[in-house]
Amino acid sequence: MKNFLILVSALISLHGEVAFAEDVENWHTQLRNLNKECRSLAHEKQSDRALEISQKALDLAIKSTSGNSPEVAKSMLQQGDLYFSLRDGARAEKLFLGVRSIWEKSGGANNPAIGEALDSLALLYMRKGEFGKAEAFYLGSLSLREKYYGNSHEFVGISIYNLGSLYFKSEQYAQAEVMFQRALPIAERAAGVASIDAAVTPDKLSLAEIHLGKVEEADAIYQRMLNIGDTILVPGRTELAVLLEHLPSTYMTIKQYAKVEFMLQKSLPLLEQKLGKTDPFVVRNLILLSNCYVENGHSEQAEPLRVRAAEIVGVAGGALLAGSELKDASLTTSGKISASVDGSLSLKNH
C-alpha cells in the first residue's frame, strides 16, 4: 500500500511538471509569434497595429515571468523601437531606460545586454542633437562589449562604427575617421571582405575623408567598393548600389563634377551588368550623371541620358522628365542599408 501511494504521488508530481513545462512552452511560443507579427507589421509600416501587438507581447511577458526577466526587457526594447520610429521620444526613452534597469538587475552592471539599451538611448539623443549625451551612451556600450567580448568581436566593431557615425553627424570628421578605420578590419573579419556588412564602414569612411580633404584615399575606397560589387551585386540585393551613390552625390554637392563623372562612368556599367539595364538604380545613376553634365555646363551630354532614363521609367511618348524631378529622384535613397548608414548599426538582427 505504501509503495502504491508513493507511485501515485510520483505520477501526480510528474504530471504537474509536464503540465508546467507545457505551459512554459505555450507562452514562449505565443510570445515568439507575437514578436514575429510585430516585426512584420512594423516592416509594413502598420505602426498602430504593431504597437497593439507589441503591448500584447509585453503584457504576456510580464504575466508569464518576473518583471525583471529577459523576455520583458526584449519586449520593452521592441516597443521602444516602435515609438522611436514614430518620433515619440519621451515614450521611447522611458522604455529604453526600463530595459537598461532590467538588464542591470538581472545580470549586473557589466551585463553586455545593457549595450542594446545604451545604443538605443544614444540614437535617441543623437536625433535630438544632444551629441554629448549620445556619446556617453555609445562609449558605455563600447566599454561593456570590450570587457565581455574582447577588442576584436563583431559586436565591439558595431559599437565603434556607431561612435564614428555620431562623430560624423556632429561634424567631428577626424574622430569619425579614426572610428571607421578601427571598425573596418573587425567588420571584414566578421563578415568577409566581399560582403555588404563590410562595405557599410568603408562607405562612411570615404565620406569622412572627403570632408578632411583626403580625396585620394576616398577614391581608392570607392574603387574597392566597385570591386566588391562585382562579387555581391545581384538583382534584388541592391544595398551596395545605395552605398555606391553616396560618394558621387557628395562630390556633386561640392561641385567636383569631374569626380562625379569619373565615378558614375565606372559604376553605371557595373550596375547594368549586374542588375540589368532597366533597373531603378541604373535610372538613378543616369539621372545623377545627367544632372552633373547640366551643372557643369554640358547640357548636350545630359540630353541622351535624360531621354534614356525617361524611356526606362516609361514616360508616355518618351517625353523628358523635368530637371527638378530628375534631381529629386537621384538624391532619394532607399533600402535597409541606407537607413543604417544615416544612423547607427544595431545588434537586434544578430
Foldseek 3Di string as FASTA:
>chain_A
DVVVVVVVVVVVVVVVVVVVVVVVVVLVVVLVVLVVVLVVCVVVVVLVVSLVSLVVSLVSVVVVDPCLDPSNLVSLQSNLVSCVVVVVLVSSLVSLVVSLVSQCVVPNPLRLVNLQSLQSVLLSVLVVVNLVSSLVSLVSNLVSCCVVPNCQALSNLQSLQQNLLSCVSVVVLVSSLVSLVSSLVSQCVVPNLLDLSNLLSLLSNLVSVVSVVNPVSSVVSLVSLLVSLLPPQAAPPCLSLLSNLVPLVVCVVVLVLVVNLVSLVSVLVSCCVHHNCLDLSNLLSLLSNLVSCVVVPNNVVSVVSQLSSQVSVPDPPSDGDDNVVSVVSNPDDDDDSVVCSNHGDHPPVD
